[in-house]
Amino acid sequence: MADLFSVVFLGALLFGAVTAAVPLLLAGLGEQMSEKAGVLNIGIEGMMIFGAYTGFLGAYLSNSMWLGFLAGMAGGMAVSLIMVILCVRYGLNQIVIGIGLTLGFEGLTALLHHFQFSRTYPRLPAAEPVSIPVLSDLPVVGAAFFNHHLIVYLAVALVAVMAFVYRRTQLGLNLQAAGDKPAALDVTGVNVVATRAFAVMVTGALAGLGGAYLANVGAGLFVPFITNGSGFLGIVLAMLSRGRPLWVLIGAFVFGLCLALTTALQVAGVNIPTDVIQMIPFLAVMVMLVAFGRRSSLPAALGLPYERGAR
């Protein structure tokens, strides 16, 4: 009986880790592209939470999970457009604007939710999982890794797509140059502002999708401040990954495992103070920063606005 409980507990823990990792993965991949292009996107938390709200609202009103995901991406892109205009186009401080976007949209979504639903928290129907034949029948890992919503598999596939783009395409070279030597990219005739704007808009779309997944699939409802710092974890993942999407995937799973562990330990009734359990994800962040932060390499022009002809 004890062995059965251990297997069930481990399977549930891994399943929860994957569910918690997907929003972090999408946010981390988006932030990685933004940083490659030279834009430090501190506002990704605001993009995620607005994507969570618009994604939930879209799914709730349309009764379509996929329309909800599209609405979440649109919401994230709407916030990213503000950053494009203020930071990429007009060169305002990226950190200040990013913090302002995060605080502003956290408050805005809480206010909109109050006016829309008052003190009620309507729920969405459970998302339909897609089982991968044969693999989903494996003990423990089968249900944990191969029985999820289609968005999970698409997010993992996106890792390979972005790795290919960065290494094998002209777009990847342009993004890298926009972050390292934007003046040299400009000399070649490529528009630096347009390149950076594209990266930030993609970041908004991915962050919004991550927020929509968190609300629609992970929780099944929207509550104010539901992202709970997921966007900031995405920034950490992007900074530690050294431009490699695969490292974002690995880091997202590690953080997702820590987040799932906080819930699993409380459900299991482990005799550890709740405050200590809830510190696990943040302790993991500090450990990873200490272990890998010094060796992380960031683009030379990260956070610096580009003005043509300026020295």
Protein backbone atom coordinates (compact mmCIF):
# COMPACT_ATOMS: atom_id res chain seq x y z
CA MET A 1 0.00 0.00 0.00
CA ALA A 2 2.88 2.33 0.83
CA ASP A 3 4.51 1.57 -2.53
CA LEU A 4 1.25 2.30 -4.35
CA PHE A 5 0.98 5.64 -2.57
CA SER A 6 4.56 6.46 -3.50
CA VAL A 7 3.93 5.75 -7.18
CA VAL A 8 0.74 7.78 -7.22
CA PHE A 9 2.43 10.64 -5.38
CA LEU A 10 5.40 10.68 -7.78
CA GLY A 11 3.15 10.56 -10.84
CA ALA A 12 1.02 13.44 -9.55
CA LEU A 13 4.14 15.42 -8.68
CA LEU A 14 5.61 15.04 -12.18
CA PHE A 15 2.27 15.84 -13.81
CA GLY A 16 2.01 19.00 -11.71
CA ALA A 17 5.61 19.91 -12.56
CA VAL A 18 4.87 19.79 -16.29
CA THR A 19 1.70 21.85 -15.84
CA ALA A 20 3.56 24.47 -13.81
CA ALA A 21 6.55 24.49 -16.18
CA VAL A 22 4.68 25.33 -19.39
CA PRO A 23 3.92 29.01 -18.54
CA LEU A 24 7.52 29.43 -17.37
CA LEU A 25 8.80 27.83 -20.58
CA LEU A 26 6.74 30.10 -22.82
CA ALA A 27 7.69 33.19 -20.83
CA GLY A 28 11.36 32.17 -20.79
CA LEU A 29 11.48 31.54 -24.54
CA GLY A 30 9.84 34.89 -25.21
CA GLU A 31 12.17 36.75 -22.86
CA GLN A 32 15.14 34.99 -24.41
CA MET A 33 14.25 36.34 -27.85
CA SER A 34 13.71 39.84 -26.46
CA GLU A 35 17.06 39.82 -24.68
CA LYS A 36 18.82 38.47 -27.76
CA ALA A 37 17.57 41.54 -29.59
CA GLY A 38 18.77 43.87 -26.81
CA VAL A 39 15.51 44.58 -24.98
CA LEU A 40 15.34 43.75 -21.26
CA ASN A 41 11.65 42.99 -20.96
CA ILE A 42 10.88 43.49 -17.26
CA GLY A 43 7.23 43.98 -18.21
CA ILE A 44 6.76 40.31 -19.12
CA GLU A 45 4.86 39.73 -15.85
CA GLY A 46 2.32 42.34 -16.95
CA MET A 47 2.04 40.66 -20.35
CA MET A 48 1.44 37.30 -18.70
CA ILE A 49 -1.26 38.48 -16.32
CA PHE A 50 -3.11 40.44 -18.99
CA GLY A 51 -2.86 37.39 -21.26
CA ALA A 52 -4.26 35.29 -18.41
CA TYR A 53 -7.22 37.64 -18.02
CA THR A 54 -8.01 38.06 -21.72
CA GLY A 55 -7.40 34.35 -22.31
CA PHE A 56 -9.78 33.33 -19.55
CA LEU A 57 -12.37 35.88 -20.64
CA GLY A 58 -12.12 34.75 -24.25
CA ALA A 59 -12.54 31.08 -23.33
CA TYR A 60 -15.36 31.85 -20.87
CA LEU A 61 -17.38 33.94 -23.31
CA SER A 62 -16.81 31.79 -26.41
CA ASN A 63 -16.79 28.35 -24.76
CA SER A 64 -13.67 27.64 -26.82
CA MET A 65 -10.33 26.93 -25.23
CA TRP A 66 -8.48 27.75 -28.46
CA LEU A 67 -10.17 31.12 -28.84
CA GLY A 68 -9.13 31.74 -25.26
CA PHE A 69 -5.50 31.02 -26.15
CA LEU A 70 -5.71 33.40 -29.12
CA ALA A 71 -7.24 36.06 -26.88
CA GLY A 72 -4.41 35.53 -24.40
CA MET A 73 -1.80 35.99 -27.11
CA ALA A 74 -3.58 39.14 -28.30
CA GLY A 75 -3.65 40.49 -24.75
CA GLY A 76 0.06 39.87 -24.28
CA MET A 77 0.85 41.49 -27.61
CA ALA A 78 -1.24 44.54 -26.69
CA VAL A 79 0.93 45.11 -23.62
CA SER A 80 4.11 44.46 -25.58
CA LEU A 81 3.05 47.08 -28.13
CA ILE A 82 3.22 49.69 -25.38
CA MET A 83 6.78 48.64 -24.65
CA VAL A 84 7.65 48.74 -28.35
CA ILE A 85 6.40 52.32 -28.65
CA LEU A 86 7.91 53.65 -25.43
CA CYS A 87 11.18 51.71 -25.23
CA VAL A 88 12.10 50.51 -28.72
CA ARG A 89 10.77 53.47 -30.68
CA TYR A 90 11.34 56.35 -28.27
CA GLY A 91 14.20 54.88 -26.21
CA LEU A 92 12.75 55.29 -22.72
CA ASN A 93 14.22 53.33 -19.82
CA GLN A 94 13.32 49.69 -20.29
CA ILE A 95 13.43 48.78 -16.60
CA VAL A 96 11.22 51.67 -15.47
CA ILE A 97 8.66 51.08 -18.23
CA GLY A 98 8.70 47.34 -17.61
CA ILE A 99 8.01 47.75 -13.89
CA GLY A 100 5.28 50.25 -14.69
CA LEU A 101 3.61 47.84 -17.12
CA THR A 102 3.72 45.02 -14.58
CA LEU A 103 2.26 47.06 -11.73
CA GLY A 104 -0.26 48.76 -13.99
CA PHE A 105 -1.67 45.59 -15.55
CA GLU A 106 -1.71 43.71 -12.27
CA GLY A 107 -3.97 46.44 -10.91
CA LEU A 108 -5.98 46.74 -14.13
CA THR A 109 -6.78 43.03 -14.36
CA ALA A 110 -7.81 42.94 -10.69
CA LEU A 111 -10.11 45.91 -11.30
CA LEU A 112 -11.57 44.47 -14.51
CA HIS A 113 -12.18 41.11 -12.85
CA HIS A 114 -13.99 42.81 -9.96
CA PHE A 115 -16.29 44.72 -12.32
CA GLN A 116 -16.85 41.67 -14.54
CA PHE A 117 -17.42 38.99 -11.91
CA SER A 118 -17.57 40.87 -8.58
CA ARG A 119 -16.68 38.33 -5.87
CA THR A 120 -17.49 35.25 -7.94
CA TYR A 121 -14.85 33.08 -9.59
CA PRO A 122 -16.44 31.17 -12.48
CA ARG A 123 -14.59 28.08 -13.63
CA LEU A 124 -13.91 26.69 -17.07
CA PRO A 125 -14.54 23.03 -17.94
CA ALA A 126 -11.48 20.81 -17.68
CA ALA A 127 -9.23 20.97 -20.74
CA GLU A 128 -9.20 17.85 -22.90
CA PRO A 129 -5.80 16.13 -22.78
CA VAL A 130 -4.15 14.54 -25.79
CA SER A 131 -2.62 11.13 -25.04
CA ILE A 132 0.38 9.97 -27.04
CA PRO A 133 -0.16 6.30 -27.95
CA VAL A 134 2.12 3.75 -26.24
CA LEU A 135 4.11 6.43 -24.37
CA SER A 136 1.12 7.48 -22.28
CA ASP A 137 0.77 3.88 -21.03
CA LEU A 138 4.23 3.82 -19.44
CA PRO A 139 4.16 3.54 -15.63
CA VAL A 140 4.51 6.80 -13.70
CA VAL A 141 6.07 8.88 -16.50
CA GLY A 142 3.40 7.97 -19.08
CA ALA A 143 0.54 9.95 -17.57
CA ALA A 144 2.93 12.58 -16.21
CA PHE A 145 4.59 13.52 -19.51
CA PHE A 146 2.45 12.19 -22.36
CA ASN A 147 -1.13 12.97 -21.36
CA HIS A 148 -1.46 16.75 -21.54
CA HIS A 149 -3.20 19.46 -23.52
CA LEU A 150 -1.85 19.98 -27.04
CA ILE A 151 -0.34 23.33 -26.00
CA VAL A 152 2.19 21.46 -23.86
CA TYR A 153 3.56 19.52 -26.84
CA LEU A 154 3.57 22.66 -28.99
CA ALA A 155 5.54 24.52 -26.32
CA VAL A 156 8.17 21.76 -26.24
CA ALA A 157 8.31 21.70 -30.06
CA LEU A 158 8.83 25.47 -30.00
CA VAL A 159 12.14 24.87 -28.23
CA ALA A 160 13.46 23.03 -31.29
CA VAL A 161 12.00 25.64 -33.65
CA MET A 162 13.64 28.54 -31.85
CA ALA A 163 16.96 26.71 -31.60
CA PHE A 164 16.86 26.24 -35.39
CA VAL A 165 15.95 29.91 -35.95
CA TYR A 166 18.82 31.15 -33.78
CA ARG A 167 21.43 28.89 -35.34
CA ARG A 168 20.40 28.45 -38.97
CA THR A 169 18.44 31.47 -40.20
CA GLN A 170 19.09 35.07 -41.13
CA LEU A 171 16.45 36.15 -38.62
CA GLY A 172 18.47 34.54 -35.84
CA LEU A 173 21.60 36.40 -36.94
CA ASN A 174 19.68 39.68 -37.08
CA LEU A 175 18.33 39.18 -33.56
CA GLN A 176 21.81 38.39 -32.26
CA ALA A 177 23.29 41.44 -33.96
CA ALA A 178 20.51 43.70 -32.67
CA GLY A 179 21.54 42.76 -29.15
CA ASP A 180 25.31 42.68 -29.59
CA LYS A 181 26.13 45.32 -32.22
CA PRO A 182 23.01 47.15 -33.39
CA ALA A 183 25.04 49.78 -35.26
CA ALA A 184 26.69 47.07 -37.36
CA LEU A 185 23.28 45.59 -38.14
CA ASP A 186 22.05 49.01 -39.19
CA VAL A 187 25.00 49.42 -41.57
CA THR A 188 23.94 46.24 -43.38
CA GLY A 189 20.56 47.81 -44.14
CA VAL A 190 18.50 45.92 -41.55
CA ASN A 191 16.14 48.05 -39.48
CA VAL A 192 17.21 47.67 -35.84
CA VAL A 193 13.99 49.15 -34.46
CA ALA A 194 11.86 46.78 -36.52
CA THR A 195 13.98 43.79 -35.47
CA ARG A 196 13.69 44.66 -31.80
CA ALA A 197 9.98 45.43 -32.15
CA PHE A 198 9.41 42.00 -33.70
CA ALA A 199 11.23 40.31 -30.81
CA VAL A 200 9.22 42.19 -28.18
CA MET A 201 5.92 41.41 -29.93
CA VAL A 202 6.80 37.72 -30.06
CA THR A 203 7.65 37.92 -26.37
CA GLY A 204 4.24 39.41 -25.67
CA ALA A 205 2.49 36.69 -27.66
CA LEU A 206 4.32 33.88 -25.86
CA ALA A 207 3.90 35.48 -22.43
CA GLY A 208 0.19 36.01 -23.11
CA LEU A 209 -0.16 32.39 -24.22
CA GLY A 210 1.64 31.26 -21.06
CA GLY A 211 -0.73 33.34 -18.94
CA ALA A 212 -3.77 31.97 -20.78
CA TYR A 213 -2.52 28.40 -20.27
CA LEU A 214 -2.00 29.10 -16.57
CA ALA A 215 -5.56 30.40 -16.15
CA ASN A 216 -7.44 28.12 -18.56
CA VAL A 217 -5.64 24.80 -18.15
CA GLY A 218 -3.57 25.04 -14.99
CA ALA A 219 -6.18 26.64 -12.73
CA GLY A 220 -9.40 26.62 -14.75
CA LEU A 221 -10.23 30.12 -13.52
CA PHE A 222 -8.80 33.61 -13.23
CA VAL A 223 -7.97 35.24 -9.92
CA PRO A 224 -6.11 38.55 -9.50
CA PHE A 225 -2.32 38.18 -9.41
CA ILE A 226 -2.61 34.58 -10.64
CA THR A 227 0.82 34.66 -12.30
CA ASN A 228 2.49 35.11 -8.88
CA GLY A 229 5.88 36.07 -10.28
CA SER A 230 6.00 33.59 -13.18
CA GLY A 231 7.15 36.33 -15.53
CA PHE A 232 10.12 37.15 -13.30
CA LEU A 233 11.05 33.47 -13.22
CA GLY A 234 10.96 33.60 -17.04
CA ILE A 235 13.48 36.46 -16.93
CA VAL A 236 15.78 34.40 -14.72
CA LEU A 237 15.49 31.43 -17.09
CA ALA A 238 16.34 33.61 -20.10
CA MET A 239 19.37 35.13 -18.39
CA LEU A 240 20.76 31.78 -17.24
CA SER A 241 20.15 29.91 -20.50
CA ARG A 242 22.95 31.70 -22.43
CA GLY A 243 20.82 31.91 -25.55
CA ARG A 244 20.01 28.18 -25.64
CA PRO A 245 16.28 27.33 -25.76
CA LEU A 246 16.97 23.80 -24.47
CA TRP A 247 18.34 25.25 -21.24
CA VAL A 248 15.13 27.25 -20.84
CA LEU A 249 13.19 23.98 -21.10
CA ILE A 250 15.37 22.28 -18.47
CA GLY A 251 15.22 25.25 -16.12
CA ALA A 252 11.45 25.59 -16.54
CA PHE A 253 10.98 21.96 -15.55
CA VAL A 254 13.20 22.38 -12.48
CA PHE A 255 11.25 25.44 -11.34
CA GLY A 256 7.98 23.71 -12.23
CA LEU A 257 8.99 20.74 -10.09
CA CYS A 258 9.68 23.07 -7.17
CA LEU A 259 6.30 24.77 -7.61
CA ALA A 260 4.51 21.42 -7.79
CA LEU A 261 6.41 20.21 -4.74
CA THR A 262 5.05 23.05 -2.62
CA THR A 263 1.50 21.87 -3.33
CA ALA A 264 2.27 18.15 -3.14
CA LEU A 265 3.94 18.38 0.26
CA GLN A 266 1.02 20.30 1.72
CA VAL A 267 -1.52 17.84 0.28
CA ALA A 268 0.52 14.93 1.62
CA GLY A 269 0.43 16.48 5.07
CA VAL A 270 4.20 16.63 5.53
CA ASN A 271 5.01 18.10 8.92
CA ILE A 272 6.94 21.11 7.65
CA PRO A 273 5.88 24.73 8.24
CA THR A 274 3.90 26.09 5.28
CA ASP A 275 6.16 29.14 4.97
CA VAL A 276 9.19 26.88 4.54
CA ILE A 277 7.46 24.82 1.85
CA GLN A 278 6.43 27.91 -0.09
CA MET A 279 10.03 29.15 -0.06
CA ILE A 280 11.24 26.15 -2.11
CA PRO A 281 10.83 27.74 -5.60
CA PHE A 282 12.57 30.94 -4.53
CA LEU A 283 15.39 29.02 -2.87
CA ALA A 284 15.81 27.14 -6.15
CA VAL A 285 16.08 30.47 -8.00
CA MET A 286 18.79 31.69 -5.63
CA VAL A 287 20.72 28.43 -5.88
CA MET A 288 20.64 28.54 -9.69
CA LEU A 289 21.71 32.20 -9.73
CA VAL A 290 24.65 31.45 -7.45
CA ALA A 291 25.63 28.32 -9.40
CA PHE A 292 25.25 29.62 -12.95
CA GLY A 293 24.71 33.39 -12.77
CA ARG A 294 28.38 34.34 -12.96
CA ARG A 295 28.88 32.37 -16.15
CA SER A 296 25.83 33.72 -17.92
CA SER A 297 26.56 35.94 -20.92
CA LEU A 298 24.24 38.76 -21.88
CA PRO A 299 24.15 40.81 -25.11
CA ALA A 300 26.45 43.82 -25.06
CA ALA A 301 23.66 46.27 -25.93
CA LEU A 302 21.03 44.74 -23.62
CA GLY A 303 18.84 47.46 -22.13
CA LEU A 304 20.43 50.20 -24.25
CA PRO A 305 18.18 52.13 -26.65
CA TYR A 306 19.40 52.41 -30.22
CA GLU A 307 19.40 55.74 -31.98
CA ARG A 308 20.67 55.86 -35.52
CA GLY A 309 23.84 57.89 -35.85
CA ALA A 310 24.26 58.32 -32.09
CA ARG A 311 27.61 57.55 -30.45
